[in-house]
Amino acid sequence: FYVLMALRAELRERGVFDKATQPKLEP
């Protein structure tokens, strides 16, 4: 789960999505 959180942050940095459009990992 932590690896996925870090991956999401990395994809944000790369401009794949922003905080508003990023997928939710809470499910």
mmCIF file of all heavy atoms, coordinates in Angstrom:
data_MODEL
# 
_entry.id   MODEL 
# 
loop_
_atom_site.group_PDB 
_atom_site.id 
_atom_site.type_symbol 
_atom_site.label_atom_id 
_atom_site.label_alt_id 
_atom_site.label_comp_id 
_atom_site.label_asym_id 
_atom_site.label_entity_id 
_atom_site.label_seq_id 
_atom_site.pdbx_PDB_ins_code 
_atom_site.Cartn_x 
_atom_site.Cartn_y 
_atom_site.Cartn_z 
_atom_site.occupancy 
_atom_site.B_iso_or_equiv 
_atom_site.pdbx_formal_charge 
_atom_site.auth_seq_id 
_atom_site.auth_comp_id 
_atom_site.auth_asym_id 
_atom_site.auth_atom_id 
_atom_site.pdbx_PDB_model_num 
ATOM 1   N N   . PHE A 1 1  ? 0.835   -1.202 0.000   1.00 0.00 ? 1  PHE A N   1 
ATOM 2   C CA  . PHE A 1 1  ? 0.000   0.000  0.000   1.00 0.00 ? 1  PHE A CA  1 
ATOM 3   C C   . PHE A 1 1  ? 0.870   1.252  0.000   1.00 0.00 ? 1  PHE A C   1 
ATOM 4   O O   . PHE A 1 1  ? 0.588   2.228  -0.715  1.00 0.00 ? 1  PHE A O   1 
ATOM 5   C CB  . PHE A 1 1  ? -0.931  -0.013 1.215   1.00 0.00 ? 1  PHE A CB  1 
ATOM 6   C CG  . PHE A 1 1  ? -1.883  1.155  1.261   1.00 0.00 ? 1  PHE A CG  1 
ATOM 7   C CD1 . PHE A 1 1  ? -2.948  1.227  0.382   1.00 0.00 ? 1  PHE A CD1 1 
ATOM 8   C CD2 . PHE A 1 1  ? -1.708  2.171  2.187   1.00 0.00 ? 1  PHE A CD2 1 
ATOM 9   C CE1 . PHE A 1 1  ? -3.841  2.307  0.423   1.00 0.00 ? 1  PHE A CE1 1 
ATOM 10  C CE2 . PHE A 1 1  ? -2.578  3.253  2.239   1.00 0.00 ? 1  PHE A CE2 1 
ATOM 11  C CZ  . PHE A 1 1  ? -3.654  3.315  1.359   1.00 0.00 ? 1  PHE A CZ  1 
ATOM 12  N N   . TYR A 1 2  ? 1.938   1.235  0.770   1.00 0.00 ? 2  TYR A N   1 
ATOM 13  C CA  . TYR A 1 2  ? 2.851   2.378  0.816   1.00 0.00 ? 2  TYR A CA  1 
ATOM 14  C C   . TYR A 1 2  ? 3.547   2.581  -0.528  1.00 0.00 ? 2  TYR A C   1 
ATOM 15  O O   . TYR A 1 2  ? 3.769   3.712  -0.972  1.00 0.00 ? 2  TYR A O   1 
ATOM 16  C CB  . TYR A 1 2  ? 3.874   2.193  1.947   1.00 0.00 ? 2  TYR A CB  1 
ATOM 17  C CG  . TYR A 1 2  ? 3.479   2.926  3.202   1.00 0.00 ? 2  TYR A CG  1 
ATOM 18  C CD1 . TYR A 1 2  ? 2.589   2.355  4.106   1.00 0.00 ? 2  TYR A CD1 1 
ATOM 19  C CD2 . TYR A 1 2  ? 3.971   4.189  3.478   1.00 0.00 ? 2  TYR A CD2 1 
ATOM 20  C CE1 . TYR A 1 2  ? 2.197   3.024  5.249   1.00 0.00 ? 2  TYR A CE1 1 
ATOM 21  C CE2 . TYR A 1 2  ? 3.593   4.879  4.624   1.00 0.00 ? 2  TYR A CE2 1 
ATOM 22  C CZ  . TYR A 1 2  ? 2.704   4.298  5.502   1.00 0.00 ? 2  TYR A CZ  1 
ATOM 23  O OH  . TYR A 1 2  ? 2.316   4.974  6.620   1.00 0.00 ? 2  TYR A OH  1 
ATOM 24  N N   . VAL A 1 3  ? 3.904   1.491  -1.196  1.00 0.00 ? 3  VAL A N   1 
ATOM 25  C CA  . VAL A 1 3  ? 4.516   1.600  -2.524  1.00 0.00 ? 3  VAL A CA  1 
ATOM 26  C C   . VAL A 1 3  ? 3.552   2.294  -3.487  1.00 0.00 ? 3  VAL A C   1 
ATOM 27  O O   . VAL A 1 3  ? 3.951   3.156  -4.289  1.00 0.00 ? 3  VAL A O   1 
ATOM 28  C CB  . VAL A 1 3  ? 4.925   0.209  -3.046  1.00 0.00 ? 3  VAL A CB  1 
ATOM 29  C CG1 . VAL A 1 3  ? 5.296   0.264  -4.529  1.00 0.00 ? 3  VAL A CG1 1 
ATOM 30  C CG2 . VAL A 1 3  ? 6.097   -0.340 -2.231  1.00 0.00 ? 3  VAL A CG2 1 
ATOM 31  N N   . LEU A 1 4  ? 2.267   1.955  -3.393  1.00 0.00 ? 4  LEU A N   1 
ATOM 32  C CA  . LEU A 1 4  ? 1.271   2.592  -4.254  1.00 0.00 ? 4  LEU A CA  1 
ATOM 33  C C   . LEU A 1 4  ? 1.121   4.075  -3.938  1.00 0.00 ? 4  LEU A C   1 
ATOM 34  O O   . LEU A 1 4  ? 0.949   4.900  -4.854  1.00 0.00 ? 4  LEU A O   1 
ATOM 35  C CB  . LEU A 1 4  ? -0.076  1.877  -4.118  1.00 0.00 ? 4  LEU A CB  1 
ATOM 36  C CG  . LEU A 1 4  ? -0.119  0.436  -4.638  1.00 0.00 ? 4  LEU A CG  1 
ATOM 37  C CD1 . LEU A 1 4  ? -1.432  -0.226 -4.243  1.00 0.00 ? 4  LEU A CD1 1 
ATOM 38  C CD2 . LEU A 1 4  ? 0.072   0.390  -6.150  1.00 0.00 ? 4  LEU A CD2 1 
ATOM 39  N N   . MET A 1 5  ? 1.180   4.431  -2.651  1.00 0.00 ? 5  MET A N   1 
ATOM 40  C CA  . MET A 1 5  ? 1.125   5.850  -2.291  1.00 0.00 ? 5  MET A CA  1 
ATOM 41  C C   . MET A 1 5  ? 2.303   6.609  -2.894  1.00 0.00 ? 5  MET A C   1 
ATOM 42  O O   . MET A 1 5  ? 2.154   7.720  -3.424  1.00 0.00 ? 5  MET A O   1 
ATOM 43  C CB  . MET A 1 5  ? 1.105   6.020  -0.765  1.00 0.00 ? 5  MET A CB  1 
ATOM 44  C CG  . MET A 1 5  ? -0.215  5.680  -0.121  1.00 0.00 ? 5  MET A CG  1 
ATOM 45  S SD  . MET A 1 5  ? -0.367  6.369  1.558   1.00 0.00 ? 5  MET A SD  1 
ATOM 46  C CE  . MET A 1 5  ? 0.789   5.345  2.463   1.00 0.00 ? 5  MET A CE  1 
ATOM 47  N N   . ALA A 1 6  ? 3.486   6.003  -2.835  1.00 0.00 ? 6  ALA A N   1 
ATOM 48  C CA  . ALA A 1 6  ? 4.673   6.643  -3.406  1.00 0.00 ? 6  ALA A CA  1 
ATOM 49  C C   . ALA A 1 6  ? 4.578   6.727  -4.925  1.00 0.00 ? 6  ALA A C   1 
ATOM 50  O O   . ALA A 1 6  ? 4.988   7.730  -5.544  1.00 0.00 ? 6  ALA A O   1 
ATOM 51  C CB  . ALA A 1 6  ? 5.933   5.876  -2.997  1.00 0.00 ? 6  ALA A CB  1 
ATOM 52  N N   . LEU A 1 7  ? 4.041   5.688  -5.547  1.00 0.00 ? 7  LEU A N   1 
ATOM 53  C CA  . LEU A 1 7  ? 3.864   5.694  -7.000  1.00 0.00 ? 7  LEU A CA  1 
ATOM 54  C C   . LEU A 1 7  ? 2.903   6.802  -7.415  1.00 0.00 ? 7  LEU A C   1 
ATOM 55  O O   . LEU A 1 7  ? 3.154   7.511  -8.401  1.00 0.00 ? 7  LEU A O   1 
ATOM 56  C CB  . LEU A 1 7  ? 3.341   4.330  -7.466  1.00 0.00 ? 7  LEU A CB  1 
ATOM 57  C CG  . LEU A 1 7  ? 2.901   4.235  -8.934  1.00 0.00 ? 7  LEU A CG  1 
ATOM 58  C CD1 . LEU A 1 7  ? 4.041   4.583  -9.880  1.00 0.00 ? 7  LEU A CD1 1 
ATOM 59  C CD2 . LEU A 1 7  ? 2.344   2.840  -9.233  1.00 0.00 ? 7  LEU A CD2 1 
ATOM 60  N N   . ARG A 1 8  ? 1.823   6.957  -6.690  1.00 0.00 ? 8  ARG A N   1 
ATOM 61  C CA  . ARG A 1 8  ? 0.869   8.021  -7.020  1.00 0.00 ? 8  ARG A CA  1 
ATOM 62  C C   . ARG A 1 8  ? 1.536   9.398  -6.930  1.00 0.00 ? 8  ARG A C   1 
ATOM 63  O O   . ARG A 1 8  ? 1.325   10.255 -7.791  1.00 0.00 ? 8  ARG A O   1 
ATOM 64  C CB  . ARG A 1 8  ? -0.348  7.952  -6.087  1.00 0.00 ? 8  ARG A CB  1 
ATOM 65  C CG  . ARG A 1 8  ? -1.452  8.919  -6.470  1.00 0.00 ? 8  ARG A CG  1 
ATOM 66  C CD  . ARG A 1 8  ? -2.692  8.739  -5.615  1.00 0.00 ? 8  ARG A CD  1 
ATOM 67  N NE  . ARG A 1 8  ? -2.442  9.038  -4.216  1.00 0.00 ? 8  ARG A NE  1 
ATOM 68  C CZ  . ARG A 1 8  ? -3.392  9.028  -3.281  1.00 0.00 ? 8  ARG A CZ  1 
ATOM 69  N NH1 . ARG A 1 8  ? -4.645  8.713  -3.617  1.00 0.00 ? 8  ARG A NH1 1 
ATOM 70  N NH2 . ARG A 1 8  ? -3.119  9.301  -2.025  1.00 0.00 ? 8  ARG A NH2 1 
ATOM 71  N N   . ALA A 1 9  ? 2.354   9.592  -5.886  1.00 0.00 ? 9  ALA A N   1 
ATOM 72  C CA  . ALA A 1 9  ? 3.075   10.863 -5.759  1.00 0.00 ? 9  ALA A CA  1 
ATOM 73  C C   . ALA A 1 9  ? 4.041   11.059 -6.933  1.00 0.00 ? 9  ALA A C   1 
ATOM 74  O O   . ALA A 1 9  ? 4.169   12.176 -7.469  1.00 0.00 ? 9  ALA A O   1 
ATOM 75  C CB  . ALA A 1 9  ? 3.830   10.894 -4.432  1.00 0.00 ? 9  ALA A CB  1 
ATOM 76  N N   . GLU A 1 10 ? 4.719   9.994  -7.345  1.00 0.00 ? 10 GLU A N   1 
ATOM 77  C CA  . GLU A 1 10 ? 5.642   10.076 -8.477  1.00 0.00 ? 10 GLU A CA  1 
ATOM 78  C C   . GLU A 1 10 ? 4.891   10.434 -9.759  1.00 0.00 ? 10 GLU A C   1 
ATOM 79  O O   . GLU A 1 10 ? 5.366   11.272 -10.558 1.00 0.00 ? 10 GLU A O   1 
ATOM 80  C CB  . GLU A 1 10 ? 6.357   8.733  -8.643  1.00 0.00 ? 10 GLU A CB  1 
ATOM 81  C CG  . GLU A 1 10 ? 7.262   8.616  -9.850  1.00 0.00 ? 10 GLU A CG  1 
ATOM 82  C CD  . GLU A 1 10 ? 8.557   9.418  -9.744  1.00 0.00 ? 10 GLU A CD  1 
ATOM 83  O OE1 . GLU A 1 10 ? 8.921   9.806  -8.615  1.00 0.00 ? 10 GLU A OE1 1 
ATOM 84  O OE2 . GLU A 1 10 ? 9.198   9.658  -10.788 1.00 0.00 ? 10 GLU A OE2 1 
ATOM 85  N N   . LEU A 1 11 ? 3.728   9.840  -9.968  1.00 0.00 ? 11 LEU A N   1 
ATOM 86  C CA  . LEU A 1 11 ? 2.931   10.143 -11.162 1.00 0.00 ? 11 LEU A CA  1 
ATOM 87  C C   . LEU A 1 11 ? 2.399   11.577 -11.125 1.00 0.00 ? 11 LEU A C   1 
ATOM 88  O O   . LEU A 1 11 ? 2.265   12.221 -12.182 1.00 0.00 ? 11 LEU A O   1 
ATOM 89  C CB  . LEU A 1 11 ? 1.789   9.138  -11.292 1.00 0.00 ? 11 LEU A CB  1 
ATOM 90  C CG  . LEU A 1 11 ? 2.225   7.688  -11.581 1.00 0.00 ? 11 LEU A CG  1 
ATOM 91  C CD1 . LEU A 1 11 ? 1.034   6.733  -11.500 1.00 0.00 ? 11 LEU A CD1 1 
ATOM 92  C CD2 . LEU A 1 11 ? 2.886   7.581  -12.945 1.00 0.00 ? 11 LEU A CD2 1 
ATOM 93  N N   . ARG A 1 12 ? 2.103   12.089 -9.925  1.00 0.00 ? 12 ARG A N   1 
ATOM 94  C CA  . ARG A 1 12 ? 1.712   13.504 -9.804  1.00 0.00 ? 12 ARG A CA  1 
ATOM 95  C C   . ARG A 1 12 ? 2.855   14.405 -10.248 1.00 0.00 ? 12 ARG A C   1 
ATOM 96  O O   . ARG A 1 12 ? 2.659   15.372 -10.983 1.00 0.00 ? 12 ARG A O   1 
ATOM 97  C CB  . ARG A 1 12 ? 1.324   13.841 -8.360  1.00 0.00 ? 12 ARG A CB  1 
ATOM 98  C CG  . ARG A 1 12 ? -0.072  13.530 -7.977  1.00 0.00 ? 12 ARG A CG  1 
ATOM 99  C CD  . ARG A 1 12 ? -0.542  14.333 -6.756  1.00 0.00 ? 12 ARG A CD  1 
ATOM 100 N NE  . ARG A 1 12 ? 0.437   14.376 -5.676  1.00 0.00 ? 12 ARG A NE  1 
ATOM 101 C CZ  . ARG A 1 12 ? 0.478   13.503 -4.674  1.00 0.00 ? 12 ARG A CZ  1 
ATOM 102 N NH1 . ARG A 1 12 ? -0.397  12.512 -4.642  1.00 0.00 ? 12 ARG A NH1 1 
ATOM 103 N NH2 . ARG A 1 12 ? 1.377   13.610 -3.717  1.00 0.00 ? 12 ARG A NH2 1 
ATOM 104 N N   . GLU A 1 13 ? 4.067   14.088 -9.760  1.00 0.00 ? 13 GLU A N   1 
ATOM 105 C CA  . GLU A 1 13 ? 5.239   14.889 -10.125 1.00 0.00 ? 13 GLU A CA  1 
ATOM 106 C C   . GLU A 1 13 ? 5.479   14.883 -11.625 1.00 0.00 ? 13 GLU A C   1 
ATOM 107 O O   . GLU A 1 13 ? 5.946   15.865 -12.200 1.00 0.00 ? 13 GLU A O   1 
ATOM 108 C CB  . GLU A 1 13 ? 6.488   14.367 -9.395  1.00 0.00 ? 13 GLU A CB  1 
ATOM 109 C CG  . GLU A 1 13 ? 6.524   14.677 -7.913  1.00 0.00 ? 13 GLU A CG  1 
ATOM 110 C CD  . GLU A 1 13 ? 7.801   14.165 -7.256  1.00 0.00 ? 13 GLU A CD  1 
ATOM 111 O OE1 . GLU A 1 13 ? 8.781   13.899 -7.993  1.00 0.00 ? 13 GLU A OE1 1 
ATOM 112 O OE2 . GLU A 1 13 ? 7.804   14.028 -6.022  1.00 0.00 ? 13 GLU A OE2 1 
ATOM 113 N N   . ARG A 1 14 ? 5.129   13.780 -12.263 1.00 0.00 ? 14 ARG A N   1 
ATOM 114 C CA  . ARG A 1 14 ? 5.331   13.667 -13.709 1.00 0.00 ? 14 ARG A CA  1 
ATOM 115 C C   . ARG A 1 14 ? 4.188   14.287 -14.506 1.00 0.00 ? 14 ARG A C   1 
ATOM 116 O O   . ARG A 1 14 ? 4.193   14.267 -15.736 1.00 0.00 ? 14 ARG A O   1 
ATOM 117 C CB  . ARG A 1 14 ? 5.502   12.192 -14.104 1.00 0.00 ? 14 ARG A CB  1 
ATOM 118 C CG  . ARG A 1 14 ? 6.732   11.538 -13.502 1.00 0.00 ? 14 ARG A CG  1 
ATOM 119 C CD  . ARG A 1 14 ? 6.935   10.128 -14.043 1.00 0.00 ? 14 ARG A CD  1 
ATOM 120 N NE  . ARG A 1 14 ? 8.093   9.479  -13.431 1.00 0.00 ? 14 ARG A NE  1 
ATOM 121 C CZ  . ARG A 1 14 ? 8.703   8.400  -13.922 1.00 0.00 ? 14 ARG A CZ  1 
ATOM 122 N NH1 . ARG A 1 14 ? 8.262   7.855  -15.056 1.00 0.00 ? 14 ARG A NH1 1 
ATOM 123 N NH2 . ARG A 1 14 ? 9.742   7.874  -13.305 1.00 0.00 ? 14 ARG A NH2 1 
ATOM 124 N N   . GLY A 1 15 ? 3.182   14.811 -13.791 1.00 0.00 ? 15 GLY A N   1 
ATOM 125 C CA  . GLY A 1 15 ? 2.084   15.501 -14.467 1.00 0.00 ? 15 GLY A CA  1 
ATOM 126 C C   . GLY A 1 15 ? 1.020   14.588 -15.035 1.00 0.00 ? 15 GLY A C   1 
ATOM 127 O O   . GLY A 1 15 ? 0.177   15.019 -15.827 1.00 0.00 ? 15 GLY A O   1 
ATOM 128 N N   . VAL A 1 16 ? 1.028   13.299 -14.620 1.00 0.00 ? 16 VAL A N   1 
ATOM 129 C CA  . VAL A 1 16 ? 0.011   12.364 -15.125 1.00 0.00 ? 16 VAL A CA  1 
ATOM 130 C C   . VAL A 1 16 ? -1.372  12.761 -14.618 1.00 0.00 ? 16 VAL A C   1 
ATOM 131 O O   . VAL A 1 16 ? -2.369  12.639 -15.318 1.00 0.00 ? 16 VAL A O   1 
ATOM 132 C CB  . VAL A 1 16 ? 0.364   10.919 -14.721 1.00 0.00 ? 16 VAL A CB  1 
ATOM 133 C CG1 . VAL A 1 16 ? -0.723  9.947  -15.153 1.00 0.00 ? 16 VAL A CG1 1 
ATOM 134 C CG2 . VAL A 1 16 ? 1.708   10.524 -15.320 1.00 0.00 ? 16 VAL A CG2 1 
ATOM 135 N N   . PHE A 1 17 ? -1.418  13.244 -13.385 1.00 0.00 ? 17 PHE A N   1 
ATOM 136 C CA  . PHE A 1 17 ? -2.636  13.798 -12.812 1.00 0.00 ? 17 PHE A CA  1 
ATOM 137 C C   . PHE A 1 17 ? -2.247  14.722 -11.670 1.00 0.00 ? 17 PHE A C   1 
ATOM 138 O O   . PHE A 1 17 ? -1.066  14.784 -11.271 1.00 0.00 ? 17 PHE A O   1 
ATOM 139 C CB  . PHE A 1 17 ? -3.611  12.719 -12.318 1.00 0.00 ? 17 PHE A CB  1 
ATOM 140 C CG  . PHE A 1 17 ? -2.948  11.511 -11.690 1.00 0.00 ? 17 PHE A CG  1 
ATOM 141 C CD1 . PHE A 1 17 ? -2.211  11.623 -10.509 1.00 0.00 ? 17 PHE A CD1 1 
ATOM 142 C CD2 . PHE A 1 17 ? -3.049  10.264 -12.274 1.00 0.00 ? 17 PHE A CD2 1 
ATOM 143 C CE1 . PHE A 1 17 ? -1.616  10.531 -9.924  1.00 0.00 ? 17 PHE A CE1 1 
ATOM 144 C CE2 . PHE A 1 17 ? -2.438  9.155  -11.698 1.00 0.00 ? 17 PHE A CE2 1 
ATOM 145 C CZ  . PHE A 1 17 ? -1.731  9.283  -10.537 1.00 0.00 ? 17 PHE A CZ  1 
ATOM 146 N N   . ASP A 1 18 ? -3.202  15.477 -11.146 1.00 0.00 ? 18 ASP A N   1 
ATOM 147 C CA  . ASP A 1 18 ? -2.927  16.346 -10.002 1.00 0.00 ? 18 ASP A CA  1 
ATOM 148 C C   . ASP A 1 18 ? -3.730  15.852 -8.805  1.00 0.00 ? 18 ASP A C   1 
ATOM 149 O O   . ASP A 1 18 ? -4.421  14.834 -8.883  1.00 0.00 ? 18 ASP A O   1 
ATOM 150 C CB  . ASP A 1 18 ? -3.241  17.811 -10.327 1.00 0.00 ? 18 ASP A CB  1 
ATOM 151 C CG  . ASP A 1 18 ? -4.692  18.011 -10.767 1.00 0.00 ? 18 ASP A CG  1 
ATOM 152 O OD1 . ASP A 1 18 ? -5.561  17.210 -10.349 1.00 0.00 ? 18 ASP A OD1 1 
ATOM 153 O OD2 . ASP A 1 18 ? -4.958  18.960 -11.529 1.00 0.00 ? 18 ASP A OD2 1 
ATOM 154 N N   . LYS A 1 19 ? -3.668  16.605 -7.701  1.00 0.00 ? 19 LYS A N   1 
ATOM 155 C CA  . LYS A 1 19 ? -4.335  16.142 -6.480  1.00 0.00 ? 19 LYS A CA  1 
ATOM 156 C C   . LYS A 1 19 ? -5.843  16.030 -6.671  1.00 0.00 ? 19 LYS A C   1 
ATOM 157 O O   . LYS A 1 19 ? -6.493  15.197 -6.032  1.00 0.00 ? 19 LYS A O   1 
ATOM 158 C CB  . LYS A 1 19 ? -4.018  17.082 -5.317  1.00 0.00 ? 19 LYS A CB  1 
ATOM 159 C CG  . LYS A 1 19 ? -2.626  16.884 -4.743  1.00 0.00 ? 19 LYS A CG  1 
ATOM 160 C CD  . LYS A 1 19 ? -2.583  17.252 -3.278  1.00 0.00 ? 19 LYS A CD  1 
ATOM 161 C CE  . LYS A 1 19 ? -1.260  16.790 -2.660  1.00 0.00 ? 19 LYS A CE  1 
ATOM 162 N NZ  . LYS A 1 19 ? -1.227  16.992 -1.212  1.00 0.00 ? 19 LYS A NZ  1 
ATOM 163 N N   . ALA A 1 20 ? -6.396  16.871 -7.551  1.00 0.00 ? 20 ALA A N   1 
ATOM 164 C CA  . ALA A 1 20 ? -7.850  16.850 -7.759  1.00 0.00 ? 20 ALA A CA  1 
ATOM 165 C C   . ALA A 1 20 ? -8.287  15.656 -8.604  1.00 0.00 ? 20 ALA A C   1 
ATOM 166 O O   . ALA A 1 20 ? -9.384  15.122 -8.421  1.00 0.00 ? 20 ALA A O   1 
ATOM 167 C CB  . ALA A 1 20 ? -8.299  18.151 -8.410  1.00 0.00 ? 20 ALA A CB  1 
ATOM 168 N N   . THR A 1 21 ? -7.422  15.238 -9.523  1.00 0.00 ? 21 THR A N   1 
ATOM 169 C CA  . THR A 1 21 ? -7.822  14.180 -10.463 1.00 0.00 ? 21 THR A CA  1 
ATOM 170 C C   . THR A 1 21 ? -7.194  12.826 -10.162 1.00 0.00 ? 21 THR A C   1 
ATOM 171 O O   . THR A 1 21 ? -7.499  11.841 -10.832 1.00 0.00 ? 21 THR A O   1 
ATOM 172 C CB  . THR A 1 21 ? -7.451  14.592 -11.904 1.00 0.00 ? 21 THR A CB  1 
ATOM 173 O OG1 . THR A 1 21 ? -6.024  14.769 -11.986 1.00 0.00 ? 21 THR A OG1 1 
ATOM 174 C CG2 . THR A 1 21 ? -8.150  15.880 -12.295 1.00 0.00 ? 21 THR A CG2 1 
ATOM 175 N N   . GLN A 1 22 ? -6.300  12.761 -9.174  1.00 0.00 ? 22 GLN A N   1 
ATOM 176 C CA  . GLN A 1 22 ? -5.608  11.504 -8.901  1.00 0.00 ? 22 GLN A CA  1 
ATOM 177 C C   . GLN A 1 22 ? -6.567  10.437 -8.400  1.00 0.00 ? 22 GLN A C   1 
ATOM 178 O O   . GLN A 1 22 ? -7.555  10.731 -7.727  1.00 0.00 ? 22 GLN A O   1 
ATOM 179 C CB  . GLN A 1 22 ? -4.490  11.721 -7.877  1.00 0.00 ? 22 GLN A CB  1 
ATOM 180 C CG  . GLN A 1 22 ? -4.987  12.041 -6.476  1.00 0.00 ? 22 GLN A CG  1 
ATOM 181 C CD  . GLN A 1 22 ? -3.856  12.296 -5.489  1.00 0.00 ? 22 GLN A CD  1 
ATOM 182 O OE1 . GLN A 1 22 ? -2.704  12.390 -5.870  1.00 0.00 ? 22 GLN A OE1 1 
ATOM 183 N NE2 . GLN A 1 22 ? -4.192  12.416 -4.221  1.00 0.00 ? 22 GLN A NE2 1 
ATOM 184 N N   . PRO A 1 23 ? -6.303  9.163  -8.742  1.00 0.00 ? 23 PRO A N   1 
ATOM 185 C CA  . PRO A 1 23 ? -7.165  8.072  -8.248  1.00 0.00 ? 23 PRO A CA  1 
ATOM 186 C C   . PRO A 1 23 ? -7.098  7.958  -6.730  1.00 0.00 ? 23 PRO A C   1 
ATOM 187 O O   . PRO A 1 23 ? -6.061  8.236  -6.117  1.00 0.00 ? 23 PRO A O   1 
ATOM 188 C CB  . PRO A 1 23 ? -6.561  6.825  -8.908  1.00 0.00 ? 23 PRO A CB  1 
ATOM 189 C CG  . PRO A 1 23 ? -5.743  7.328  -10.048 1.00 0.00 ? 23 PRO A CG  1 
ATOM 190 C CD  . PRO A 1 23 ? -5.243  8.673  -9.639  1.00 0.00 ? 23 PRO A CD  1 
ATOM 191 N N   . LYS A 1 24 ? -8.199  7.562  -6.134  1.00 0.00 ? 24 LYS A N   1 
ATOM 192 C CA  . LYS A 1 24 ? -8.249  7.371  -4.678  1.00 0.00 ? 24 LYS A CA  1 
ATOM 193 C C   . LYS A 1 24 ? -7.775  5.959  -4.331  1.00 0.00 ? 24 LYS A C   1 
ATOM 194 O O   . LYS A 1 24 ? -8.215  4.986  -4.950  1.00 0.00 ? 24 LYS A O   1 
ATOM 195 C CB  . LYS A 1 24 ? -9.664  7.593  -4.160  1.00 0.00 ? 24 LYS A CB  1 
ATOM 196 C CG  . LYS A 1 24 ? -10.153 9.032  -4.278  1.00 0.00 ? 24 LYS A CG  1 
ATOM 197 C CD  . LYS A 1 24 ? -11.499 9.190  -3.605  1.00 0.00 ? 24 LYS A CD  1 
ATOM 198 C CE  . LYS A 1 24 ? -12.012 10.617 -3.723  1.00 0.00 ? 24 LYS A CE  1 
ATOM 199 N NZ  . LYS A 1 24 ? -11.114 11.585 -3.067  1.00 0.00 ? 24 LYS A NZ  1 
ATOM 200 N N   . LEU A 1 25 ? -6.880  5.863  -3.358  1.00 0.00 ? 25 LEU A N   1 
ATOM 201 C CA  . LEU A 1 25 ? -6.388  4.563  -2.906  1.00 0.00 ? 25 LEU A CA  1 
ATOM 202 C C   . LEU A 1 25 ? -7.149  4.056  -1.674  1.00 0.00 ? 25 LEU A C   1 
ATOM 203 O O   . LEU A 1 25 ? -6.983  2.903  -1.267  1.00 0.00 ? 25 LEU A O   1 
ATOM 204 C CB  . LEU A 1 25 ? -4.895  4.652  -2.577  1.00 0.00 ? 25 LEU A CB  1 
ATOM 205 C CG  . LEU A 1 25 ? -3.973  5.001  -3.756  1.00 0.00 ? 25 LEU A CG  1 
ATOM 206 C CD1 . LEU A 1 25 ? -2.529  5.116  -3.275  1.00 0.00 ? 25 LEU A CD1 1 
ATOM 207 C CD2 . LEU A 1 25 ? -4.086  3.970  -4.876  1.00 0.00 ? 25 LEU A CD2 1 
ATOM 208 N N   . GLU A 1 26 ? -8.013  4.912  -1.096  1.00 0.00 ? 26 GLU A N   1 
ATOM 209 C CA  . GLU A 1 26 ? -8.739  4.519  0.109   1.00 0.00 ? 26 GLU A CA  1 
ATOM 210 C C   . GLU A 1 26 ? -9.578  3.253  -0.059  1.00 0.00 ? 26 GLU A C   1 
ATOM 211 O O   . GLU A 1 26 ? -9.731  2.488  0.905   1.00 0.00 ? 26 GLU A O   1 
ATOM 212 C CB  . GLU A 1 26 ? -9.643  5.670  0.587   1.00 0.00 ? 26 GLU A CB  1 
ATOM 213 C CG  . GLU A 1 26 ? -8.896  6.833  1.201   1.00 0.00 ? 26 GLU A CG  1 
ATOM 214 C CD  . GLU A 1 26 ? -8.454  7.861  0.166   1.00 0.00 ? 26 GLU A CD  1 
ATOM 215 O OE1 . GLU A 1 26 ? -8.361  7.512  -1.028  1.00 0.00 ? 26 GLU A OE1 1 
ATOM 216 O OE2 . GLU A 1 26 ? -8.196  9.005  0.556   1.00 0.00 ? 26 GLU A OE2 1 
ATOM 217 N N   . PRO A 1 27 ? -10.149 2.970  -1.261  1.00 0.00 ? 27 PRO A N   1 
ATOM 218 C CA  . PRO A 1 27 ? -10.915 1.725  -1.404  1.00 0.00 ? 27 PRO A CA  1 
ATOM 219 C C   . PRO A 1 27 ? -10.100 0.456  -1.153  1.00 0.00 ? 27 PRO A C   1 
ATOM 220 O O   . PRO A 1 27 ? -10.672 -0.616 -0.965  1.00 0.00 ? 27 PRO A O   1 
ATOM 221 C CB  . PRO A 1 27 ? -11.400 1.785  -2.860  1.00 0.00 ? 27 PRO A CB  1 
ATOM 222 C CG  . PRO A 1 27 ? -11.470 3.242  -3.178  1.00 0.00 ? 27 PRO A CG  1 
ATOM 223 C CD  . PRO A 1 27 ? -10.308 3.843  -2.452  1.00 0.00 ? 27 PRO A CD  1 
# 
